[in-house]
N, C-alpha and C. Protein backbone atom coordinates (compact mmCIF):
# COMPACT_ATOMS: atom_id res chain seq x y z
N MET A 1 -6.57 18.81 -42.03
CA MET A 1 -5.21 18.37 -41.19
C MET A 1 -4.81 16.88 -41.80
N ARG A 2 -4.08 16.42 -41.85
CA ARG A 2 -3.91 14.57 -41.82
C ARG A 2 -4.31 14.29 -40.30
N PRO A 3 -5.23 12.75 -39.81
CA PRO A 3 -4.89 12.25 -38.69
C PRO A 3 -3.50 12.57 -38.01
N GLN A 4 -2.23 12.12 -38.49
CA GLN A 4 -1.26 12.04 -37.96
C GLN A 4 -0.70 13.52 -37.19
N LEU A 5 -0.98 14.38 -38.01
CA LEU A 5 -1.00 16.29 -37.34
C LEU A 5 -1.59 15.85 -36.17
N VAL A 6 -3.27 15.47 -36.79
CA VAL A 6 -4.35 16.14 -35.72
C VAL A 6 -3.87 14.76 -34.23
N ARG A 7 -3.12 13.76 -34.03
CA ARG A 7 -2.63 13.47 -32.78
C ARG A 7 -2.09 14.02 -32.25
N TYR A 8 -0.74 14.39 -33.52
CA TYR A 8 0.27 15.00 -32.79
C TYR A 8 0.41 16.20 -31.98
N ALA A 9 -1.10 17.05 -32.81
CA ALA A 9 -1.46 18.42 -32.16
C ALA A 9 -2.14 18.24 -30.55
N SER A 10 -3.06 16.81 -30.57
CA SER A 10 -3.47 16.80 -29.33
C SER A 10 -2.44 16.51 -28.07
N TYR A 11 -1.75 15.62 -28.91
CA TYR A 11 -0.52 15.37 -27.85
C TYR A 11 0.49 16.58 -26.85
N ILE A 12 0.66 17.42 -27.93
CA ILE A 12 1.44 18.68 -28.13
C ILE A 12 0.40 19.54 -26.59
N PHE A 13 -1.08 19.70 -27.07
CA PHE A 13 -1.73 20.30 -25.85
C PHE A 13 -2.07 19.75 -24.88
N ALA A 14 -2.40 18.10 -24.41
CA ALA A 14 -2.06 17.62 -23.17
C ALA A 14 -0.93 17.92 -22.72
N SER A 15 -0.05 17.61 -22.92
CA SER A 15 1.49 17.83 -22.56
C SER A 15 1.65 19.16 -22.37
N THR A 16 1.11 20.10 -22.63
CA THR A 16 1.39 21.32 -22.08
C THR A 16 0.72 21.68 -20.59
N LEU A 17 -0.55 21.18 -20.83
CA LEU A 17 -1.70 21.42 -19.54
C LEU A 17 -1.01 20.42 -18.53
N LEU A 18 -0.32 19.53 -18.71
CA LEU A 18 0.38 18.85 -17.62
C LEU A 18 1.00 19.39 -16.88
N LEU A 19 2.30 20.11 -17.58
CA LEU A 19 3.71 20.82 -17.44
C LEU A 19 3.08 21.89 -16.48
N ALA A 20 1.68 22.76 -17.03
CA ALA A 20 0.71 23.73 -16.16
C ALA A 20 0.66 23.54 -14.83
N GLY A 21 0.17 22.33 -14.85
CA GLY A 21 -0.56 21.92 -13.56
C GLY A 21 0.68 21.96 -12.42
N CYS A 22 1.67 20.85 -13.32
CA CYS A 22 2.91 20.77 -12.56
C CYS A 22 3.45 22.02 -11.36
N ALA A 23 3.74 23.22 -13.00
CA ALA A 23 3.88 24.38 -12.59
C ALA A 23 3.34 25.48 -11.24
N SER A 24 1.96 24.95 -11.28
CA SER A 24 1.24 25.82 -10.66
C SER A 24 1.31 25.10 -9.13
N ARG A 25 1.73 23.60 -8.50
CA ARG A 25 1.58 22.74 -7.56
C ARG A 25 2.70 23.43 -6.37
N PRO A 26 1.36 24.13 -5.31
CA PRO A 26 2.32 24.12 -4.40
C PRO A 26 3.21 23.47 -3.61
N VAL A 27 4.48 24.45 -3.11
CA VAL A 27 5.24 23.58 -2.78
C VAL A 27 5.75 24.15 -0.90
N ALA A 28 6.16 23.21 -0.25
CA ALA A 28 6.12 23.03 1.10
C ALA A 28 6.58 24.69 1.71
N ASP A 29 5.82 25.02 2.67
CA ASP A 29 6.61 26.49 3.32
C ASP A 29 6.56 26.21 4.83
N THR A 30 7.79 26.32 5.07
CA THR A 30 7.48 26.02 6.47
C THR A 30 7.01 27.09 7.43
N ALA A 31 7.14 28.40 6.98
CA ALA A 31 6.15 29.52 7.60
C ALA A 31 5.01 29.41 7.64
N SER A 32 4.32 28.72 6.65
CA SER A 32 2.61 28.15 6.51
C SER A 32 2.26 26.59 6.86
N VAL A 33 3.10 26.10 6.70
CA VAL A 33 2.68 24.68 7.41
C VAL A 33 2.33 24.53 8.90
N PRO A 34 1.10 23.98 9.32
CA PRO A 34 0.43 23.66 10.07
C PRO A 34 1.20 23.36 11.22
N ALA A 35 1.09 23.82 12.46
CA ALA A 35 2.13 23.48 13.59
C ALA A 35 1.47 22.19 14.25
N ALA A 36 2.28 21.70 14.84
CA ALA A 36 1.48 20.88 16.06
C ALA A 36 2.55 20.73 17.02
N PRO A 37 2.10 20.07 18.18
CA PRO A 37 2.78 20.25 19.46
C PRO A 37 3.46 18.72 19.02
N VAL A 38 4.35 18.64 20.07
CA VAL A 38 5.54 17.80 19.71
C VAL A 38 5.79 17.27 21.22
N ASN A 39 5.96 16.03 21.54
CA ASN A 39 6.09 15.56 22.90
C ASN A 39 7.52 15.28 22.78
N SER A 40 8.74 15.98 23.32
CA SER A 40 9.93 15.79 23.12
C SER A 40 10.29 14.57 24.11
N GLU A 41 9.91 13.95 24.73
CA GLU A 41 10.43 12.97 25.60
C GLU A 41 9.87 11.76 24.56
N TYR A 42 10.88 11.14 25.00
CA TYR A 42 10.56 9.70 23.86
C TYR A 42 9.27 8.93 25.25
N ARG A 43 8.48 8.28 24.18
CA ARG A 43 7.55 7.48 24.78
C ARG A 43 8.11 6.18 24.00
N ILE A 44 7.93 4.73 25.21
CA ILE A 44 8.38 3.23 24.75
C ILE A 44 6.94 2.66 24.24
N GLY A 45 7.45 1.89 23.00
CA GLY A 45 6.61 1.27 22.26
C GLY A 45 6.68 -0.38 21.88
N PRO A 46 5.82 -0.67 21.73
CA PRO A 46 6.05 -2.43 21.49
C PRO A 46 7.49 -2.53 20.71
N GLY A 47 8.44 -3.26 20.65
CA GLY A 47 9.35 -3.83 19.94
C GLY A 47 10.93 -3.18 20.54
N ASP A 48 10.38 -1.99 21.60
CA ASP A 48 11.73 -1.86 22.52
C ASP A 48 12.23 -2.72 23.18
N ASN A 49 13.96 -2.14 23.17
CA ASN A 49 14.41 -3.23 23.89
C ASN A 49 14.62 -2.13 25.75
N LEU A 50 14.59 -2.66 26.45
CA LEU A 50 14.57 -1.92 27.76
C LEU A 50 15.88 -2.49 28.37
N ASN A 51 16.37 -1.44 29.39
CA ASN A 51 17.89 -2.25 29.91
C ASN A 51 17.50 -1.43 31.44
N VAL A 52 16.51 -2.41 32.40
CA VAL A 52 16.49 -2.31 33.80
C VAL A 52 17.40 -2.32 34.81
N ILE A 53 17.73 -0.94 35.32
CA ILE A 53 19.38 -1.41 36.04
C ILE A 53 18.30 -1.36 37.45
N VAL A 54 18.48 -2.08 38.50
CA VAL A 54 18.12 -1.62 39.63
C VAL A 54 18.91 -1.91 40.45
N TRP A 55 19.47 -0.08 41.51
CA TRP A 55 20.83 -0.29 42.09
C TRP A 55 21.12 -0.54 42.81
N ARG A 56 22.04 -1.69 43.23
CA ARG A 56 22.44 -2.30 44.36
C ARG A 56 21.80 -3.76 44.42
N ASN A 57 21.06 -4.11 42.92
CA ASN A 57 20.15 -5.20 43.55
C ASN A 57 20.83 -5.72 41.57
N PRO A 58 21.53 -6.45 41.47
CA PRO A 58 21.94 -6.71 39.97
C PRO A 58 21.66 -8.16 39.51
N GLU A 59 21.41 -8.72 40.78
CA GLU A 59 20.31 -10.01 40.35
C GLU A 59 18.68 -9.47 39.67
N VAL A 60 18.20 -8.97 39.82
CA VAL A 60 17.23 -8.02 39.31
C VAL A 60 17.12 -7.04 38.20
N SER A 61 18.28 -6.73 37.64
CA SER A 61 19.04 -5.99 36.70
C SER A 61 18.61 -7.16 35.37
N LEU A 62 18.03 -6.56 34.31
CA LEU A 62 18.02 -7.47 32.81
C LEU A 62 17.95 -6.30 32.12
N VAL A 63 18.13 -7.11 30.83
CA VAL A 63 17.32 -6.17 29.61
C VAL A 63 16.19 -7.18 29.22
N VAL A 64 15.08 -6.39 28.66
CA VAL A 64 14.22 -7.14 28.54
C VAL A 64 13.01 -6.24 27.33
N PRO A 65 12.46 -7.21 26.66
CA PRO A 65 11.89 -6.74 25.23
C PRO A 65 10.39 -6.34 25.66
N VAL A 66 9.97 -5.48 25.32
CA VAL A 66 8.84 -4.79 25.14
C VAL A 66 7.77 -6.04 24.40
N ARG A 67 6.36 -6.54 24.75
CA ARG A 67 6.15 -7.29 23.47
C ARG A 67 4.67 -6.39 22.80
N PRO A 68 4.50 -7.17 22.03
CA PRO A 68 3.59 -6.43 21.05
C PRO A 68 2.06 -6.15 21.65
N ASP A 69 1.93 -6.51 22.79
CA ASP A 69 0.86 -5.96 23.64
C ASP A 69 1.17 -4.74 24.34
N GLY A 70 2.35 -4.20 24.12
CA GLY A 70 2.72 -3.24 25.35
C GLY A 70 3.25 -3.54 26.62
N LYS A 71 3.45 -4.50 26.80
CA LYS A 71 3.90 -5.05 28.39
C LYS A 71 4.91 -5.72 28.41
N PHE A 72 5.63 -5.98 29.63
CA PHE A 72 6.67 -6.62 29.71
C PHE A 72 6.91 -7.34 31.45
N SER A 73 7.27 -8.29 31.30
CA SER A 73 7.65 -8.39 32.80
C SER A 73 8.99 -8.87 33.29
N THR A 74 9.42 -8.61 34.19
CA THR A 74 10.50 -9.09 35.47
C THR A 74 10.30 -10.68 35.91
N PRO A 75 11.34 -10.94 36.41
CA PRO A 75 11.37 -12.15 37.31
C PRO A 75 10.81 -11.57 38.53
N LEU A 76 10.13 -10.21 39.37
CA LEU A 76 9.63 -10.13 40.28
C LEU A 76 8.26 -9.06 39.86
N ALA A 77 8.55 -8.93 38.74
CA ALA A 77 6.90 -8.11 37.96
C ALA A 77 6.28 -8.31 36.76
N ASN A 78 5.56 -8.72 37.00
CA ASN A 78 4.86 -9.18 35.98
C ASN A 78 4.25 -8.42 35.46
N ASP A 79 4.08 -8.19 34.19
CA ASP A 79 3.06 -7.18 33.12
C ASP A 79 2.76 -6.11 33.24
N ILE A 80 3.66 -5.53 33.01
CA ILE A 80 4.06 -3.96 33.42
C ILE A 80 3.64 -3.25 32.24
N GLU A 81 2.71 -2.12 32.25
CA GLU A 81 2.47 -1.73 30.96
C GLU A 81 3.29 -0.23 30.65
N ALA A 82 4.09 -0.95 29.69
CA ALA A 82 5.22 0.54 28.98
C ALA A 82 4.86 1.09 27.72
N SER A 83 3.61 0.87 26.86
CA SER A 83 3.84 1.83 25.50
C SER A 83 3.23 2.86 25.93
N GLY A 84 3.46 3.62 25.63
CA GLY A 84 3.17 4.99 25.31
C GLY A 84 3.54 5.77 26.67
N LYS A 85 4.47 5.13 27.81
CA LYS A 85 5.21 6.02 28.71
C LYS A 85 6.46 6.19 28.74
N THR A 86 7.19 6.86 29.67
CA THR A 86 8.35 7.37 29.39
C THR A 86 9.17 6.15 29.86
N PRO A 87 10.18 6.39 30.11
CA PRO A 87 11.32 5.48 30.89
C PRO A 87 11.26 6.23 32.28
N LYS A 88 11.38 7.15 32.59
CA LYS A 88 11.03 7.49 34.00
C LYS A 88 9.87 7.26 34.45
N GLU A 89 8.77 7.10 33.86
CA GLU A 89 7.48 6.32 34.28
C GLU A 89 7.47 5.13 34.81
N VAL A 90 8.21 4.48 33.82
CA VAL A 90 8.10 2.79 33.65
C VAL A 90 9.00 2.20 34.71
N GLY A 91 10.17 3.11 35.10
CA GLY A 91 11.15 2.97 36.17
C GLY A 91 10.56 3.20 37.33
N ALA A 92 9.55 3.83 37.45
CA ALA A 92 9.06 4.31 39.16
C ALA A 92 7.80 3.03 39.05
N GLU A 93 7.31 2.70 37.85
CA GLU A 93 6.08 1.62 38.02
C GLU A 93 7.31 0.69 38.82
N ILE A 94 8.40 -0.17 37.76
CA ILE A 94 8.84 -1.52 38.45
C ILE A 94 9.31 -0.83 39.82
N ALA A 95 9.96 0.26 40.03
CA ALA A 95 10.11 0.14 41.78
C ALA A 95 8.77 -0.19 42.67
N LYS A 96 7.61 0.41 41.93
CA LYS A 96 6.97 0.05 43.34
C LYS A 96 6.32 -1.22 43.07
N ALA A 97 6.59 -1.95 42.31
CA ALA A 97 6.55 -3.47 42.02
C ALA A 97 7.25 -4.22 43.07
N LEU A 98 8.78 -3.89 42.64
CA LEU A 98 9.80 -4.06 43.86
C LEU A 98 9.84 -3.60 45.04
N SER A 99 8.78 -3.02 45.63
CA SER A 99 9.07 -2.08 46.81
C SER A 99 8.72 -3.65 47.69
N ALA A 100 8.10 -4.54 47.16
CA ALA A 100 7.01 -5.40 48.00
C ALA A 100 8.35 -6.45 48.65
N TYR A 101 9.57 -6.39 47.78
CA TYR A 101 10.74 -7.24 47.82
C TYR A 101 11.85 -6.44 48.54
N ILE A 102 12.31 -5.55 48.07
CA ILE A 102 13.49 -4.76 47.96
C ILE A 102 13.04 -3.38 49.17
N THR A 103 13.58 -3.28 49.86
CA THR A 103 13.77 -1.63 50.53
C THR A 103 13.99 -0.80 49.68
N ASP A 104 13.08 0.45 49.39
CA ASP A 104 13.24 1.59 48.89
C ASP A 104 14.03 1.27 47.69
N PRO A 105 13.47 0.58 46.34
CA PRO A 105 14.36 0.48 44.98
C PRO A 105 14.28 1.59 44.53
N VAL A 106 15.41 1.42 43.86
CA VAL A 106 16.27 2.60 42.85
C VAL A 106 16.32 2.13 41.30
N VAL A 107 15.58 2.87 40.56
CA VAL A 107 15.54 1.65 38.89
C VAL A 107 15.53 2.85 38.01
N THR A 108 16.09 2.73 37.02
CA THR A 108 16.54 3.03 35.95
C THR A 108 16.36 2.51 35.02
N VAL A 109 15.75 2.99 33.83
CA VAL A 109 15.41 2.52 32.69
C VAL A 109 15.62 3.00 31.30
N VAL A 110 16.34 2.32 30.57
CA VAL A 110 17.38 3.21 29.57
C VAL A 110 16.70 2.01 27.69
N VAL A 111 16.76 2.93 27.37
CA VAL A 111 15.99 2.15 26.20
C VAL A 111 17.42 2.08 25.38
N THR A 112 17.21 0.73 24.85
CA THR A 112 18.52 0.14 24.01
C THR A 112 18.22 -0.09 22.53
N GLY A 113 17.19 -0.55 22.38
CA GLY A 113 16.32 -0.55 20.98
C GLY A 113 15.11 0.36 20.58
N PHE A 114 15.15 0.86 19.48
CA PHE A 114 14.34 2.09 19.51
C PHE A 114 12.77 1.65 18.34
N SER A 115 11.93 1.60 18.36
CA SER A 115 10.91 1.51 17.43
C SER A 115 9.88 2.12 17.89
N GLY A 116 9.55 3.12 19.09
CA GLY A 116 8.26 4.11 19.67
C GLY A 116 7.28 3.75 19.28
N ILE A 117 6.24 4.11 19.75
CA ILE A 117 4.85 4.01 19.80
C ILE A 117 4.25 4.15 18.44
N TYR A 118 3.45 3.16 17.72
CA TYR A 118 3.14 3.59 16.52
C TYR A 118 2.52 4.50 16.17
N SER A 119 1.49 5.43 16.92
CA SER A 119 0.58 6.85 16.47
C SER A 119 2.03 7.80 16.45
N ASP A 120 2.90 7.26 17.12
CA ASP A 120 4.77 8.31 16.58
C ASP A 120 5.72 8.39 15.56
N GLN A 121 5.51 7.04 15.09
CA GLN A 121 6.13 6.40 14.01
C GLN A 121 5.84 7.45 12.72
N ILE A 122 6.64 7.75 12.35
CA ILE A 122 7.23 8.33 10.94
C ILE A 122 6.94 7.17 9.29
N ARG A 123 5.81 7.22 8.91
CA ARG A 123 5.76 6.19 7.62
C ARG A 123 5.60 7.05 6.31
N VAL A 124 6.62 6.21 5.56
CA VAL A 124 7.51 6.39 4.39
C VAL A 124 7.06 5.50 3.90
N ILE A 125 5.96 6.12 2.41
CA ILE A 125 5.18 4.86 1.24
C ILE A 125 5.70 5.37 0.01
N GLY A 126 5.70 4.33 -0.81
CA GLY A 126 5.72 5.19 -2.35
C GLY A 126 6.78 4.93 -2.93
N GLN A 127 7.79 5.26 -3.83
CA GLN A 127 8.65 5.16 -4.45
C GLN A 127 10.17 5.71 -3.26
N ALA A 128 10.31 5.16 -2.68
CA ALA A 128 11.31 5.20 -1.50
C ALA A 128 11.73 4.35 -1.61
N ALA A 129 13.46 4.06 -1.59
CA ALA A 129 14.64 3.18 -1.83
C ALA A 129 13.83 1.85 -0.96
N LYS A 130 13.63 2.66 0.60
CA LYS A 130 13.39 1.38 1.25
C LYS A 130 12.12 2.12 2.01
N PRO A 131 11.10 1.78 1.77
CA PRO A 131 9.75 2.24 2.30
C PRO A 131 9.25 1.91 3.88
N GLN A 132 9.51 1.89 4.55
CA GLN A 132 9.26 1.73 6.18
C GLN A 132 8.59 3.28 6.86
N ALA A 133 8.51 2.24 8.29
CA ALA A 133 8.38 2.97 9.19
C ALA A 133 9.41 3.13 10.42
N LEU A 134 9.61 4.82 10.60
CA LEU A 134 10.56 5.22 11.21
C LEU A 134 10.26 5.38 12.45
N PRO A 135 10.99 5.63 13.92
CA PRO A 135 10.41 5.76 14.86
C PRO A 135 10.88 7.57 15.10
N TYR A 136 10.16 8.56 15.50
CA TYR A 136 10.29 9.88 15.65
C TYR A 136 11.33 9.83 16.19
N ARG A 137 12.48 11.14 15.81
CA ARG A 137 13.81 11.71 16.99
C ARG A 137 13.61 13.11 16.99
N LYS A 138 13.52 13.93 17.98
CA LYS A 138 13.72 15.20 18.15
C LYS A 138 13.90 16.04 17.39
N GLU A 139 13.39 16.68 16.80
CA GLU A 139 14.10 17.81 15.19
C GLU A 139 14.31 17.02 14.03
N MET A 140 13.70 15.84 14.01
CA MET A 140 13.65 15.21 13.07
C MET A 140 13.19 16.17 11.47
N SER A 141 14.21 16.18 10.61
CA SER A 141 13.65 16.63 9.15
C SER A 141 13.32 15.84 8.34
N LEU A 142 12.77 16.74 7.28
CA LEU A 142 12.50 15.68 6.26
C LEU A 142 13.53 15.08 5.43
N LEU A 143 14.80 15.87 5.73
CA LEU A 143 15.77 15.44 5.04
C LEU A 143 16.59 14.03 5.72
N ASP A 144 16.23 14.16 7.31
CA ASP A 144 16.71 12.69 7.54
C ASP A 144 15.96 12.08 7.29
N VAL A 145 14.51 11.87 6.96
CA VAL A 145 13.63 10.44 6.91
C VAL A 145 14.02 10.57 5.47
N VAL A 146 14.63 11.06 4.46
CA VAL A 146 14.75 10.61 3.33
C VAL A 146 15.94 9.98 3.45
N ILE A 147 17.15 10.68 4.28
CA ILE A 147 18.57 9.77 4.19
C ILE A 147 17.93 8.28 4.36
N ALA A 148 17.38 8.18 5.88
CA ALA A 148 16.94 7.14 6.46
C ALA A 148 16.44 5.74 6.05
N VAL A 149 15.83 6.20 4.21
CA VAL A 149 15.09 4.84 3.49
C VAL A 149 15.60 5.06 2.75
N GLY A 150 17.09 5.44 2.53
CA GLY A 150 18.06 5.16 1.50
C GLY A 150 17.75 6.31 0.54
N GLY A 151 17.12 7.35 0.16
CA GLY A 151 16.65 8.36 -1.09
C GLY A 151 15.35 7.70 -1.83
N THR A 152 15.34 8.11 -2.88
CA THR A 152 14.20 7.60 -3.50
C THR A 152 14.45 6.85 -4.80
N THR A 153 13.47 6.06 -5.75
CA THR A 153 14.31 5.23 -6.66
C THR A 153 14.39 6.13 -7.70
N GLU A 154 14.36 5.75 -8.90
CA GLU A 154 14.39 6.41 -10.17
C GLU A 154 13.15 6.40 -10.61
N PHE A 155 12.08 5.94 -10.16
CA PHE A 155 10.78 6.28 -10.86
C PHE A 155 10.46 7.31 -9.90
N ALA A 156 10.49 7.47 -9.08
CA ALA A 156 10.27 8.70 -8.01
C ALA A 156 9.57 10.36 -8.42
N ALA A 157 8.50 10.63 -8.48
CA ALA A 157 8.57 12.03 -8.91
C ALA A 157 9.03 13.04 -7.48
N GLY A 158 9.78 13.37 -7.10
CA GLY A 158 9.99 13.73 -6.03
C GLY A 158 9.36 14.80 -5.91
N ASN A 159 9.30 15.69 -6.77
CA ASN A 159 8.79 17.38 -6.65
C ASN A 159 7.25 17.08 -6.24
N ARG A 160 7.06 15.77 -6.59
CA ARG A 160 5.26 15.73 -6.48
C ARG A 160 4.91 14.85 -5.26
N ALA A 161 6.10 14.66 -4.23
CA ALA A 161 5.88 14.29 -3.06
C ALA A 161 4.97 14.94 -1.98
N SER A 162 4.34 14.39 -0.68
CA SER A 162 3.96 15.34 0.12
C SER A 162 3.59 14.34 2.13
N VAL A 163 3.70 15.13 1.95
CA VAL A 163 3.65 14.96 3.96
C VAL A 163 1.98 14.95 3.95
N ILE A 164 1.58 13.98 4.90
CA ILE A 164 0.63 13.71 5.68
C ILE A 164 0.56 14.15 6.83
N ARG A 165 -0.23 14.99 7.56
CA ARG A 165 -0.19 15.13 8.75
C ARG A 165 -1.48 15.27 9.38
N LEU A 166 -1.78 15.35 10.52
CA LEU A 166 -3.11 14.94 11.39
C LEU A 166 -2.65 16.03 11.83
N VAL A 167 -3.67 17.50 11.91
CA VAL A 167 -3.77 18.74 12.36
C VAL A 167 -5.08 18.98 13.01
N ASP A 168 -5.29 19.07 14.30
CA ASP A 168 -6.59 19.23 14.88
C ASP A 168 -7.94 18.29 14.83
N GLY A 169 -7.17 17.33 14.30
CA GLY A 169 -7.52 15.78 14.56
C GLY A 169 -8.41 15.78 12.88
N LYS A 170 -8.17 16.66 11.59
CA LYS A 170 -7.71 16.08 10.30
C LYS A 170 -6.61 16.16 9.54
N GLN A 171 -7.08 15.39 8.71
CA GLN A 171 -5.68 15.11 7.76
C GLN A 171 -5.44 16.19 6.97
N THR A 172 -3.82 16.61 6.98
CA THR A 172 -3.85 17.97 5.97
C THR A 172 -2.90 17.60 4.95
N LYS A 173 -2.81 17.74 4.01
CA LYS A 173 -1.77 17.27 2.72
C LYS A 173 -0.54 18.94 2.73
N ILE A 174 0.50 18.37 2.97
CA ILE A 174 1.59 19.20 2.76
C ILE A 174 2.80 18.93 1.71
N ALA A 175 2.42 19.79 0.65
CA ALA A 175 3.78 19.51 -0.75
C ALA A 175 4.90 19.38 -0.60
N VAL A 176 5.73 18.85 -1.16
CA VAL A 176 7.52 18.94 -0.77
C VAL A 176 8.11 18.65 -2.04
N ARG A 177 9.20 19.24 -1.83
CA ARG A 177 10.30 19.03 -3.14
C ARG A 177 11.19 18.71 -3.04
N LEU A 178 10.93 16.64 -2.93
CA LEU A 178 12.24 16.26 -2.64
C LEU A 178 13.33 16.02 -3.69
N ASP A 179 13.16 16.53 -5.05
CA ASP A 179 14.38 16.45 -5.92
C ASP A 179 14.91 17.76 -5.59
N ASP A 180 14.42 18.64 -5.10
CA ASP A 180 14.89 20.05 -5.13
C ASP A 180 15.79 20.25 -3.94
N LEU A 181 15.33 19.10 -2.90
CA LEU A 181 16.16 19.07 -1.48
C LEU A 181 17.28 18.51 -1.98
N MET A 182 17.11 17.31 -2.72
CA MET A 182 18.01 15.81 -2.56
C MET A 182 18.87 15.90 -3.88
N LYS A 183 18.48 16.61 -4.60
CA LYS A 183 19.78 16.93 -6.21
C LYS A 183 19.72 17.96 -6.30
N ASP A 184 19.11 18.68 -5.70
CA ASP A 184 19.72 20.34 -6.04
C ASP A 184 20.63 21.13 -5.36
N GLY A 185 20.34 20.48 -3.73
CA GLY A 185 20.66 21.10 -2.41
C GLY A 185 19.94 22.29 -1.47
N ASP A 186 18.66 22.31 -2.30
CA ASP A 186 17.71 23.72 -1.79
C ASP A 186 17.35 23.46 -0.34
N ILE A 187 17.77 23.45 0.88
CA ILE A 187 17.73 23.74 1.87
C ILE A 187 16.19 24.28 2.22
N SER A 188 15.81 25.07 1.62
CA SER A 188 14.40 25.64 2.09
C SER A 188 13.37 24.84 1.46
N ALA A 189 13.75 23.76 0.62
CA ALA A 189 12.86 22.58 0.72
C ALA A 189 12.73 21.49 1.53
N ASN A 190 13.48 21.97 2.73
CA ASN A 190 13.04 21.04 4.36
C ASN A 190 12.05 21.50 4.59
N LEU A 191 11.80 20.80 5.41
CA LEU A 191 10.59 20.77 6.13
C LEU A 191 10.40 20.04 7.62
N ALA A 192 10.27 20.74 9.22
CA ALA A 192 10.24 19.62 10.37
C ALA A 192 9.07 18.89 10.15
N MET A 193 9.64 17.68 10.67
CA MET A 193 8.92 16.56 10.65
C MET A 193 8.22 16.82 11.89
N ARG A 194 6.91 16.05 12.26
CA ARG A 194 6.46 15.59 13.21
C ARG A 194 5.45 13.74 13.43
N PRO A 195 5.80 13.76 14.45
CA PRO A 195 5.13 12.41 15.04
C PRO A 195 3.78 11.92 14.54
N GLY A 196 3.34 10.69 13.92
CA GLY A 196 2.73 10.73 13.28
C GLY A 196 2.53 10.86 11.48
N ASP A 197 3.69 11.58 11.10
CA ASP A 197 3.90 11.73 9.80
C ASP A 197 3.91 10.85 9.07
N ILE A 198 2.90 11.10 7.26
CA ILE A 198 3.32 10.17 6.13
C ILE A 198 4.01 10.61 5.08
N LEU A 199 5.12 10.05 4.67
CA LEU A 199 5.61 11.16 3.22
C LEU A 199 4.88 9.82 2.47
N VAL A 200 4.66 10.56 1.18
CA VAL A 200 4.11 9.84 0.32
C VAL A 200 5.22 10.39 -1.33
N ILE A 201 5.53 9.64 -1.49
CA ILE A 201 6.17 9.50 -2.87
C ILE A 201 5.78 8.87 -4.09
N PRO A 202 5.30 9.38 -5.07
CA PRO A 202 4.20 8.89 -6.05
C PRO A 202 5.41 8.53 -6.91
N GLU A 203 5.07 7.77 -8.01
CA GLU A 203 5.74 7.25 -8.95
C GLU A 203 5.58 8.59 -10.61
N SER A 204 6.47 8.69 -11.00
CA SER A 204 6.67 9.82 -12.15
C SER A 204 5.94 8.54 -13.13
N ILE A 205 5.01 9.99 -13.94
CA ILE A 205 4.40 9.95 -15.09
C ILE A 205 4.94 9.33 -16.44
N PHE A 206 5.91 10.19 -16.33
CA PHE A 206 6.74 9.84 -17.49
C PHE A 206 7.65 8.52 -17.34
């Protein structure tokens, strides 16, 4: 056999094995994906903006950012820990601090800028149009995440993407089909996301 024919036959054989491997790759099945408990209450994180409203006391009501250390300060309450707490819990902390100056303060905290705590953020890496970390939102789906990052690049291998999820203290890899979901509209390829998930979108080898 001529050397050119040998090389061509070897290429065809290797391509066949590769395609067979792709065809046998498992896909996401929401019925079999490991479940993870989800806390539906929003937890404040560094970078969030808090609108602190003290009833009948506008002079101590203000908008304040949460610092990188997870704390914030107001004129009458210094270094209050906010990271990991709900707005209601932070409101109670502020009311406790203000009680030394105001009789029975009623405090409401409204989050006006959302980042969330780092452990709850969903991270998207690889061939996304805008790889980034997103704050988890209740009932967030894989489709929501892909839309938020602007879709995938032209070099993405969407059907070889995966979601890395922590289940019972162990990382679990869940295969997902982004091309089927985004290009073909196959809703069966959608997936319920969980706080802390990592979406990995690899580059196509072709």
